[in-house]
Protein backbone atom coordinates (compact mmCIF):
# COMPACT_ATOMS: atom_id res chain seq x y z
CA MET A 1 0.00 0.00 0.00
CA THR A 2 1.01 3.63 -0.36
CA ALA A 3 3.47 4.64 2.39
CA THR A 4 1.96 8.09 2.80
CA PRO A 5 -1.50 9.38 1.86
CA ARG A 6 -1.77 10.96 -1.59
CA TYR A 7 -4.24 13.87 -1.74
CA ALA A 8 -5.95 15.26 -4.84
CA GLU A 9 -3.52 18.20 -4.87
CA ASP A 10 -0.60 15.76 -5.16
CA TYR A 11 -1.64 14.57 -8.64
CA LEU A 12 -0.50 16.45 -11.73
CA PRO A 13 -1.80 16.16 -15.30
CA GLY A 14 0.63 14.07 -17.33
CA GLN A 15 2.03 12.34 -14.25
CA VAL A 16 2.79 8.66 -14.87
CA PHE A 17 2.63 5.91 -12.26
CA ASN A 18 4.24 2.57 -13.01
CA VAL A 19 2.23 0.38 -10.66
CA GLY A 20 3.98 -2.97 -11.01
CA SER A 21 3.41 -6.19 -12.82
CA HIS A 22 1.41 -9.39 -12.56
CA ALA A 23 1.59 -12.77 -14.29
CA PHE A 24 -1.67 -14.69 -14.43
CA SER A 25 -1.28 -18.42 -13.79
CA ALA A 26 -3.63 -20.95 -15.35
CA ALA A 27 -4.75 -22.01 -11.85
CA GLU A 28 -5.55 -18.38 -10.91
CA ILE A 29 -7.50 -17.83 -14.15
CA ILE A 30 -9.53 -21.00 -13.67
CA ALA A 31 -10.22 -20.32 -9.97
CA PHE A 32 -11.47 -16.76 -10.54
CA SER A 33 -13.53 -17.63 -13.59
CA SER A 34 -15.04 -20.76 -12.05
CA GLU A 35 -16.57 -18.48 -9.45
CA TRP A 36 -17.33 -15.32 -11.44
CA ASP A 37 -17.14 -15.79 -15.23
CA PRO A 38 -17.45 -19.48 -16.15
CA HIS A 39 -17.05 -19.30 -19.93
CA PRO A 40 -15.31 -22.44 -21.25
CA PHE A 41 -12.33 -20.40 -22.54
CA HIS A 42 -11.71 -19.22 -18.95
CA ILE A 43 -12.14 -22.49 -17.05
CA ASN A 44 -11.28 -25.43 -19.29
CA GLU A 45 -7.98 -25.62 -21.17
CA GLU A 46 -9.16 -28.28 -23.64
CA ALA A 47 -12.42 -26.46 -24.41
CA ALA A 48 -10.50 -23.18 -24.70
CA ARG A 49 -8.27 -24.66 -27.44
CA GLN A 50 -11.39 -25.18 -29.55
CA THR A 51 -12.43 -21.50 -29.38
CA MET A 52 -11.31 -18.52 -31.42
CA PHE A 53 -8.80 -17.81 -28.63
CA GLY A 54 -6.97 -21.10 -29.18
CA GLY A 55 -6.32 -21.51 -25.48
CA LEU A 56 -7.11 -20.44 -21.95
CA ILE A 57 -7.52 -16.70 -21.34
CA ALA A 58 -8.21 -14.59 -18.25
CA SER A 59 -11.61 -13.04 -17.70
CA GLY A 60 -11.66 -9.33 -18.45
CA TRP A 61 -13.19 -8.74 -15.03
CA HIS A 62 -10.32 -10.62 -13.41
CA THR A 63 -7.88 -8.48 -15.37
CA ALA A 64 -9.64 -5.29 -14.22
CA LEU A 65 -9.58 -6.34 -10.57
CA VAL A 66 -5.88 -7.22 -10.71
CA MET A 67 -5.23 -3.74 -12.12
CA MET A 68 -7.26 -2.19 -9.29
CA ARG A 69 -5.08 -4.01 -6.76
CA MET A 70 -1.96 -2.84 -8.61
CA MET A 71 -3.20 0.77 -8.50
CA HIS A 72 -3.39 0.51 -4.70
CA GLN A 73 -0.19 -1.44 -4.15
CA GLY A 74 1.74 0.53 -6.77
CA GLY A 75 1.15 3.91 -5.16
CA PHE A 76 -1.44 5.50 -7.43
CA LEU A 77 -4.29 5.20 -4.93
CA SER A 78 -4.06 5.57 -1.18
CA LEU A 79 -6.54 3.73 1.04
CA GLU A 80 -6.49 6.74 3.39
CA THR A 81 -7.58 9.25 0.73
CA SER A 82 -9.31 7.33 -2.08
CA ILE A 83 -13.06 7.59 -1.58
CA GLY A 84 -14.47 5.89 -4.66
CA SER A 85 -15.37 6.70 -8.22
CA PRO A 86 -18.47 8.14 -9.88
CA GLY A 87 -17.92 5.75 -12.78
CA HIS A 88 -15.82 4.96 -15.78
CA GLU A 89 -15.71 6.64 -19.17
CA GLU A 90 -14.14 3.88 -21.20
CA LEU A 91 -13.18 0.26 -20.56
CA LYS A 92 -11.44 -1.80 -23.22
CA TRP A 93 -10.20 -5.36 -23.27
CA LEU A 94 -7.99 -5.13 -26.34
CA ARG A 95 -6.18 -8.49 -26.39
CA PRO A 96 -6.58 -11.80 -24.58
CA VAL A 97 -4.53 -12.29 -21.41
CA ARG A 98 -2.87 -15.69 -21.41
CA PRO A 99 -1.40 -17.77 -18.58
CA GLY A 100 2.19 -16.86 -17.83
CA GLU A 101 2.14 -13.45 -19.52
CA LEU A 102 3.75 -10.79 -17.35
CA LEU A 103 1.59 -7.70 -17.62
CA ARG A 104 2.94 -4.28 -16.63
CA GLY A 105 0.60 -1.65 -15.24
CA GLN A 106 0.71 2.07 -15.79
CA VAL A 107 -1.61 4.91 -14.82
CA VAL A 108 -1.49 8.36 -16.44
CA VAL A 109 -3.18 11.36 -14.83
CA ASN A 110 -5.27 13.15 -17.46
CA SER A 111 -6.69 15.96 -15.32
CA VAL A 112 -7.34 17.01 -11.74
CA ARG A 113 -10.30 19.06 -10.53
CA ILE A 114 -11.14 20.15 -6.99
CA SER A 115 -14.89 20.21 -6.36
CA LYS A 116 -16.29 23.73 -5.96
CA SER A 117 -19.31 22.57 -3.97
CA ARG A 118 -17.35 20.07 -1.87
CA PRO A 119 -13.75 21.33 -1.57
CA GLU A 120 -12.86 18.36 0.64
CA MET A 121 -12.75 16.20 -2.50
CA GLY A 122 -11.15 16.21 -5.90
CA PHE A 123 -11.59 14.26 -9.11
CA VAL A 124 -8.53 12.67 -10.69
CA ASN A 125 -9.27 11.60 -14.25
CA ASN A 126 -6.84 8.88 -15.28
CA THR A 127 -6.15 6.18 -17.82
CA ALA A 128 -4.91 2.83 -16.54
CA THR A 129 -3.33 0.32 -18.92
CA LEU A 130 -1.87 -3.16 -18.79
CA THR A 131 0.75 -4.05 -21.39
CA ASN A 132 1.89 -7.55 -22.38
CA PRO A 133 5.53 -8.61 -22.98
CA SER A 134 5.19 -7.69 -26.69
CA GLY A 135 4.37 -4.10 -25.71
CA GLU A 136 0.71 -4.41 -26.70
CA VAL A 137 -1.94 -2.82 -24.51
CA VAL A 138 -4.30 -5.59 -23.39
CA TYR A 139 -6.48 -3.52 -21.03
CA SER A 140 -7.35 0.16 -20.82
CA LEU A 141 -9.66 2.02 -18.46
CA THR A 142 -10.30 5.75 -18.33
CA SER A 143 -12.08 6.83 -15.18
CA ASN A 144 -12.36 9.35 -12.39
CA ALA A 145 -11.11 8.68 -8.90
CA ILE A 146 -12.57 10.71 -6.04
CA ILE A 147 -9.69 11.68 -3.78
CA LYS A 148 -9.73 13.61 -0.51
CA THR A 149 -8.09 17.03 -0.50
CA ARG A 150 -6.02 18.41 2.33
CA ALA A 151 -9.00 20.65 3.15
CA GLY A 152 -10.95 17.47 3.92
């Protein structure tokens, strides 16, 4: 987790956060998807080979949740100051995530706005991406994080 709280005023447009990496194992993919997204291409290696994917792939929702954890552990979000999100503007699953691929996470701050009606909070618009070893973006999410300000 973040060592010190990060307040809305601490974010700057254009700022880049490299939030770490994660390799999805086949066992992890199957366990998550068995519970939450039981498509054959997520839970059965033999059945997955017969699909357009040609093998087992991670659920997009699993990928998104791993990125959320990386955003916290990698220092972009602070549990002490992050107070949610009003929603997401754009979510894309651009390429399949395969077992053993080491994905690297990055978050870019697009803009920062302190609320006029509630100056104890700010909105940090950001784009989070996961990139595979070939340098291809496999996941992209543009959203707004609600972050406490020092006034809060």
